[in-house]
Amino acid sequence: MSQKQKVAFIGLGVMGGPMARHLAAAGYDVTGYNRTLTRAEAWRKGCADHGLEVLTAPTPAEAAAGADMVFTCVGNDEDLAEVVLGADGVLGAMQQGALLVDHTTVSADMARRIDVAARKRGLEAVDAPVSGGQAGAENGKLAIMCGGSAGAVSRATPAMDSYAARIVHVGMAGAGQTAKMANQMCIAGVLGGLSEAIRLASAAGLDMDRTFEAISGGAAQSWQMENRWHTMVKDEFDFGFAIDWMRKDMGYALDEARRLGLSSPISALVDQFYAEVQAAGGGRRDTSALITRLPKGK
């Protein structure tokens, strides 16, 4: 960059924290905010350990003041409304012409609402949910699906390049969120089938490594198979993206499908399977823990 740009990053959790650190490493002047102040301080110290100087702010508005770009990565619709539209939200503090980039997975309606509010203030907004989980954030290899104007997405892309392997502009405001819903539906369906396949192969006494080798090179291959087959076989389910968050995302997806007059029976069924895992105390396990609701057979 010819001139160091000032950015704010709101939400420094397992996804936002690494993303904000990548921005600092790319040469941006980063101020972070997190609702839990101890997490914000831990993020600042972690950046310092990497030789990066960053700042923290006590409110979203103070973090956003004077920033060229503001990034958000929080929990859900309500959290996003608070940090963007609330009394101490970023929108009221952002300077004319600044850009808001939201990486939270929320409803398409919330994305469109923020876009309208931003344009009324002379600002631009991009809804840019991500896929790739904690590992993708840590390694700077996220996939980002963007909704908004072509100009706004183009402005955001150089910054997002610091933590993304793929950035795709899929449409206008809300389109990024709708694409993320499709993404989560795909993951749910694949994990449902993968869970049953692993239980079948195991109950039949197959060598699980050889079975993986046999089927992962053909039409059954998927990211979930490549990255979760062996850990699911070992009953290891601590890989970042929790079932609690997946159910939140699936709720948005199923609501949007109903709004569009669509039937989504497979997604609805897998969502209920996830509810069973939650009820059994597995809500903080990663999404591959779907397999735990299935008995292991003989």
Protein backbone atom coordinates (compact mmCIF):
# COMPACT_ATOMS: atom_id res chain seq x y z
CA MET A 1 0.00 0.00 0.00
CA SER A 2 1.30 3.45 -0.86
CA GLN A 3 -0.37 4.88 2.26
CA LYS A 4 -1.17 2.96 5.42
CA GLN A 5 -4.95 2.59 5.67
CA LYS A 6 -6.72 2.69 9.00
CA VAL A 7 -9.13 -0.17 9.64
CA ALA A 8 -11.25 -1.31 12.56
CA PHE A 9 -12.10 -4.92 13.31
CA ILE A 10 -15.13 -5.62 15.51
CA GLY A 11 -15.23 -9.12 16.98
CA LEU A 12 -11.93 -10.81 17.86
CA GLY A 13 -13.04 -14.39 18.41
CA VAL A 14 -11.66 -17.59 16.87
CA MET A 15 -12.39 -16.23 13.38
CA GLY A 16 -12.11 -12.46 13.73
CA GLY A 17 -8.95 -12.47 15.83
CA PRO A 18 -6.76 -14.20 13.23
CA MET A 19 -8.34 -12.23 10.38
CA ALA A 20 -7.57 -8.95 12.13
CA ARG A 21 -4.02 -10.11 12.77
CA HIS A 22 -3.57 -10.90 9.07
CA LEU A 23 -4.69 -7.35 8.24
CA ALA A 24 -2.04 -5.96 10.59
CA ALA A 25 0.59 -8.23 9.04
CA ALA A 26 -0.41 -6.93 5.60
CA GLY A 27 0.43 -3.38 6.68
CA TYR A 28 -2.95 -2.00 7.75
CA ASP A 29 -3.27 0.19 10.83
CA VAL A 30 -5.68 -1.97 12.87
CA THR A 31 -7.82 -1.07 15.88
CA GLY A 32 -9.77 -3.97 17.36
CA TYR A 33 -12.83 -4.20 19.56
CA ASN A 34 -14.33 -7.17 21.37
CA ARG A 35 -17.28 -7.21 23.76
CA THR A 36 -15.14 -9.21 26.21
CA LEU A 37 -12.30 -6.78 26.87
CA THR A 38 -9.96 -9.48 28.16
CA ARG A 39 -10.18 -11.18 24.75
CA ALA A 40 -9.32 -7.91 23.04
CA GLU A 41 -6.27 -7.53 25.25
CA ALA A 42 -5.22 -11.13 24.60
CA TRP A 43 -5.51 -10.44 20.86
CA ARG A 44 -3.35 -7.32 21.19
CA LYS A 45 -0.69 -9.26 23.10
CA GLY A 46 -0.84 -12.09 20.57
CA CYS A 47 -0.23 -9.60 17.77
CA ALA A 48 2.70 -8.16 19.72
CA ASP A 49 4.16 -11.66 19.96
CA HIS A 50 4.15 -11.66 16.14
CA GLY A 51 5.89 -8.29 16.07
CA LEU A 52 2.68 -6.43 15.15
CA GLU A 53 1.56 -3.19 16.77
CA VAL A 54 -2.22 -2.85 17.03
CA LEU A 55 -4.67 -0.86 19.14
CA THR A 56 -7.87 -1.73 20.97
CA ALA A 57 -10.90 0.46 21.66
CA PRO A 58 -13.56 0.31 24.41
CA THR A 59 -16.55 0.58 22.04
CA PRO A 60 -17.28 -0.27 18.40
CA ALA A 61 -17.85 3.42 17.65
CA GLU A 62 -14.45 4.44 19.02
CA ALA A 63 -12.76 1.70 17.02
CA ALA A 64 -14.51 2.85 13.82
CA ALA A 65 -13.89 6.59 14.19
CA GLY A 66 -11.66 7.77 11.34
CA ALA A 67 -11.31 4.30 9.80
CA ASP A 68 -11.21 3.83 6.04
CA MET A 69 -12.72 0.36 6.42
CA VAL A 70 -14.59 -1.34 9.25
CA PHE A 71 -14.81 -5.14 9.49
CA THR A 72 -17.26 -7.03 11.67
CA CYS A 73 -17.29 -10.70 12.68
CA VAL A 74 -19.67 -11.35 15.57
CA GLY A 75 -22.33 -13.92 16.45
CA ASN A 76 -25.78 -13.45 14.96
CA ASP A 77 -28.36 -10.90 13.76
CA GLU A 78 -28.82 -9.39 17.21
CA ASP A 79 -25.08 -9.06 17.86
CA LEU A 80 -24.50 -7.48 14.47
CA ALA A 81 -27.38 -5.02 14.88
CA GLU A 82 -25.89 -3.93 18.22
CA VAL A 83 -22.34 -3.32 16.98
CA VAL A 84 -23.41 -1.71 13.69
CA LEU A 85 -26.72 0.06 14.33
CA GLY A 86 -26.71 0.46 18.13
CA ALA A 87 -26.02 3.58 20.20
CA ASP A 88 -22.29 2.75 20.29
CA GLY A 89 -22.36 1.09 16.87
CA VAL A 90 -19.92 1.69 14.07
CA LEU A 91 -22.32 3.21 11.54
CA GLY A 92 -22.82 6.43 13.47
CA ALA A 93 -19.06 6.91 13.87
CA MET A 94 -17.81 6.03 10.39
CA GLN A 95 -16.50 8.85 8.22
CA GLN A 96 -18.14 9.76 4.92
CA GLY A 97 -17.15 7.37 2.14
CA ALA A 98 -15.87 4.63 4.46
CA LEU A 99 -16.55 0.95 3.75
CA LEU A 100 -18.23 -1.59 6.06
CA VAL A 101 -17.40 -5.27 5.46
CA ASP A 102 -19.37 -7.80 7.51
CA HIS A 103 -17.99 -11.33 7.89
CA THR A 104 -20.69 -12.53 10.29
CA THR A 105 -23.08 -15.22 9.10
CA VAL A 106 -26.48 -13.58 9.50
CA SER A 107 -29.82 -13.46 7.70
CA ALA A 108 -30.01 -11.98 4.22
CA ASP A 109 -32.61 -9.57 5.59
CA MET A 110 -30.13 -8.20 8.13
CA ALA A 111 -27.52 -7.74 5.40
CA ARG A 112 -29.98 -5.77 3.29
CA ARG A 113 -31.04 -3.70 6.29
CA ILE A 114 -27.44 -2.71 7.01
CA ASP A 115 -26.84 -1.91 3.34
CA VAL A 116 -29.79 0.50 3.31
CA ALA A 117 -28.68 2.16 6.56
CA ALA A 118 -25.11 2.51 5.26
CA ARG A 119 -26.16 4.11 1.97
CA LYS A 120 -28.32 6.63 3.83
CA ARG A 121 -25.14 7.78 5.59
CA GLY A 122 -23.04 8.00 2.44
CA LEU A 123 -21.26 4.71 3.18
CA GLU A 124 -20.86 1.42 1.33
CA ALA A 125 -21.41 -2.06 2.77
CA VAL A 126 -20.45 -5.60 1.75
CA ASP A 127 -21.92 -8.74 3.29
CA ALA A 128 -19.02 -11.18 3.14
CA PRO A 129 -19.57 -14.37 5.16
CA VAL A 130 -16.68 -16.82 5.18
CA SER A 131 -16.14 -20.56 4.97
CA GLY A 132 -13.10 -22.51 6.07
CA GLY A 133 -13.42 -22.51 9.82
CA GLN A 134 -10.84 -21.63 12.43
CA ALA A 135 -8.03 -23.30 10.47
CA GLY A 136 -8.89 -21.24 7.41
CA ALA A 137 -8.82 -18.05 9.45
CA GLU A 138 -5.52 -18.93 11.14
CA ASN A 139 -3.87 -19.90 7.86
CA GLY A 140 -5.33 -17.05 5.78
CA LYS A 141 -7.13 -19.50 3.47
CA LEU A 142 -10.79 -18.58 3.86
CA ALA A 143 -13.37 -18.66 1.08
CA ILE A 144 -15.43 -15.46 1.03
CA MET A 145 -18.76 -14.98 -0.73
CA CYS A 146 -19.65 -11.31 -1.19
CA GLY A 147 -22.85 -9.37 -1.66
CA GLY A 148 -22.89 -5.66 -2.52
CA SER A 149 -21.99 -3.37 -5.39
CA ALA A 150 -19.09 -4.31 -7.64
CA GLY A 151 -17.28 -1.15 -6.57
CA ALA A 152 -17.61 -1.90 -2.86
CA VAL A 153 -16.42 -5.49 -3.29
CA SER A 154 -13.49 -4.27 -5.37
CA ARG A 155 -12.52 -1.82 -2.62
CA ALA A 156 -12.68 -4.56 0.02
CA THR A 157 -10.76 -7.20 -1.95
CA PRO A 158 -7.15 -6.07 -1.32
CA ALA A 159 -7.74 -6.19 2.43
CA MET A 160 -9.62 -9.50 2.32
CA ASP A 161 -6.79 -10.98 0.24
CA SER A 162 -4.71 -11.00 3.43
CA TYR A 163 -6.80 -13.84 4.89
CA ALA A 164 -8.58 -15.39 1.90
CA ALA A 165 -7.79 -18.07 -0.65
CA ARG A 166 -10.92 -17.29 -2.69
CA ILE A 167 -13.13 -14.20 -2.95
CA VAL A 168 -16.25 -14.31 -5.14
CA HIS A 169 -18.75 -11.52 -5.77
CA VAL A 170 -22.08 -13.37 -6.01
CA GLY A 171 -24.59 -10.50 -6.25
CA MET A 172 -26.09 -7.46 -4.58
CA ALA A 173 -26.75 -6.88 -0.88
CA GLY A 174 -27.75 -10.09 0.89
CA ALA A 175 -26.43 -12.37 -1.84
CA GLY A 176 -23.30 -13.23 0.13
CA GLN A 177 -25.42 -14.38 3.04
CA THR A 178 -27.68 -16.45 0.79
CA ALA A 179 -24.63 -18.14 -0.75
CA LYS A 180 -23.40 -18.95 2.76
CA MET A 181 -26.77 -20.57 3.51
CA ALA A 182 -26.30 -22.79 0.46
CA ASN A 183 -22.78 -23.57 1.70
CA GLN A 184 -24.07 -24.70 5.10
CA MET A 185 -26.81 -26.81 3.55
CA CYS A 186 -24.16 -28.60 1.49
CA ILE A 187 -21.99 -29.24 4.54
CA ALA A 188 -24.94 -30.58 6.53
CA GLY A 189 -25.96 -33.00 3.79
CA VAL A 190 -22.42 -34.25 3.22
CA LEU A 191 -21.80 -34.83 6.93
CA GLY A 192 -25.07 -36.71 7.24
CA GLY A 193 -24.05 -39.15 4.52
CA LEU A 194 -20.44 -39.34 5.70
CA SER A 195 -21.53 -40.22 9.25
CA GLU A 196 -23.65 -43.13 8.04
CA ALA A 197 -20.92 -44.35 5.67
CA ILE A 198 -18.31 -44.45 8.44
CA ARG A 199 -20.65 -46.36 10.74
CA LEU A 200 -21.39 -48.88 7.93
CA ALA A 201 -17.74 -49.46 7.06
CA SER A 202 -16.77 -49.81 10.71
CA ALA A 203 -19.60 -52.18 11.64
CA ALA A 204 -18.71 -54.36 8.64
CA GLY A 205 -15.16 -54.68 9.95
CA LEU A 206 -13.48 -52.89 7.04
CA ASP A 207 -10.00 -51.42 7.37
CA MET A 208 -10.96 -47.76 7.72
CA ASP A 209 -7.74 -46.37 6.23
CA ARG A 210 -8.01 -48.60 3.16
CA THR A 211 -11.71 -47.81 2.78
CA PHE A 212 -10.89 -44.11 2.84
CA GLU A 213 -8.19 -44.67 0.22
CA ALA A 214 -10.61 -46.60 -1.96
CA ILE A 215 -13.49 -44.13 -1.97
CA SER A 216 -11.85 -40.74 -1.50
CA GLY A 217 -10.42 -40.74 -5.02
CA GLY A 218 -13.77 -41.11 -6.73
CA ALA A 219 -17.13 -39.39 -6.89
CA ALA A 220 -17.64 -39.61 -3.11
CA GLN A 221 -14.68 -37.33 -2.42
CA SER A 222 -15.38 -34.13 -0.47
CA TRP A 223 -13.61 -31.65 1.78
CA GLN A 224 -15.38 -33.19 4.75
CA MET A 225 -14.20 -36.69 3.80
CA GLU A 226 -10.62 -35.53 3.25
CA ASN A 227 -10.44 -33.56 6.49
CA ARG A 228 -12.82 -35.35 8.88
CA TRP A 229 -12.97 -39.07 7.99
CA HIS A 230 -9.98 -40.02 10.16
CA THR A 231 -10.94 -37.78 13.07
CA MET A 232 -14.56 -38.99 13.04
CA VAL A 233 -13.29 -42.59 13.14
CA LYS A 234 -11.22 -41.66 16.22
CA ASP A 235 -14.13 -39.80 17.90
CA GLU A 236 -12.23 -36.49 17.78
CA PHE A 237 -14.51 -33.47 17.46
CA ASP A 238 -12.58 -30.36 18.47
CA PHE A 239 -11.98 -28.49 15.21
CA GLY A 240 -13.39 -25.01 15.69
CA PHE A 241 -16.83 -24.66 14.12
CA ALA A 242 -19.34 -25.68 16.78
CA ILE A 243 -22.70 -27.36 16.29
CA ASP A 244 -24.31 -24.46 18.18
CA TRP A 245 -23.17 -22.12 15.39
CA MET A 246 -24.16 -24.55 12.66
CA ARG A 247 -27.70 -24.69 14.02
CA LYS A 248 -27.84 -20.90 14.02
CA ASP A 249 -26.76 -20.88 10.38
CA MET A 250 -29.17 -23.63 9.42
CA GLY A 251 -31.99 -21.66 11.03
CA TYR A 252 -31.27 -18.74 8.72
CA ALA A 253 -31.08 -21.07 5.72
CA LEU A 254 -34.35 -22.83 6.47
CA ASP A 255 -36.10 -19.51 7.13
CA GLU A 256 -34.89 -18.14 3.79
CA ALA A 257 -35.99 -21.29 1.98
CA ARG A 258 -39.47 -20.96 3.46
CA ARG A 259 -39.57 -17.30 2.48
CA LEU A 260 -38.82 -18.34 -1.10
CA GLY A 261 -41.52 -21.01 -1.02
CA LEU A 262 -39.01 -23.89 -1.13
CA SER A 263 -38.98 -27.29 0.54
CA SER A 264 -35.66 -28.33 2.14
CA PRO A 265 -36.38 -31.72 3.74
CA ILE A 266 -32.78 -32.99 3.89
CA SER A 267 -31.48 -29.80 5.51
CA ALA A 268 -34.39 -29.77 7.96
CA LEU A 269 -33.75 -33.41 8.90
CA VAL A 270 -30.03 -32.93 9.47
CA ASP A 271 -30.79 -29.81 11.51
CA GLN A 272 -32.97 -31.94 13.79
CA PHE A 273 -30.16 -34.49 14.06
CA TYR A 274 -27.90 -31.66 15.19
CA ALA A 275 -30.55 -30.70 17.75
CA GLU A 276 -30.27 -34.23 19.16
CA VAL A 277 -26.50 -33.85 19.53
CA GLN A 278 -27.03 -30.49 21.25
CA ALA A 279 -29.53 -32.03 23.65
CA ALA A 280 -26.96 -34.69 24.52
CA GLY A 281 -24.47 -31.97 25.48
CA GLY A 282 -22.51 -31.82 22.22
CA GLY A 283 -23.30 -28.27 21.16
CA ARG A 284 -19.71 -27.05 21.49
CA ARG A 285 -18.28 -29.96 19.51
CA ASP A 286 -17.53 -29.36 15.84
CA THR A 287 -20.04 -30.22 13.14
CA SER A 288 -18.54 -33.65 12.42
CA ALA A 289 -19.85 -34.76 15.83
CA LEU A 290 -23.10 -35.41 13.97
CA ILE A 291 -21.86 -39.01 13.84
CA THR A 292 -22.23 -39.38 17.62
CA ARG A 293 -26.01 -39.69 17.36
CA LEU A 294 -25.56 -42.93 15.38
CA PRO A 295 -24.89 -46.23 17.22
CA LYS A 296 -21.73 -48.07 16.25
CA GLY A 297 -23.54 -51.31 15.45
CA LYS A 298 -22.26 -54.80 16.20
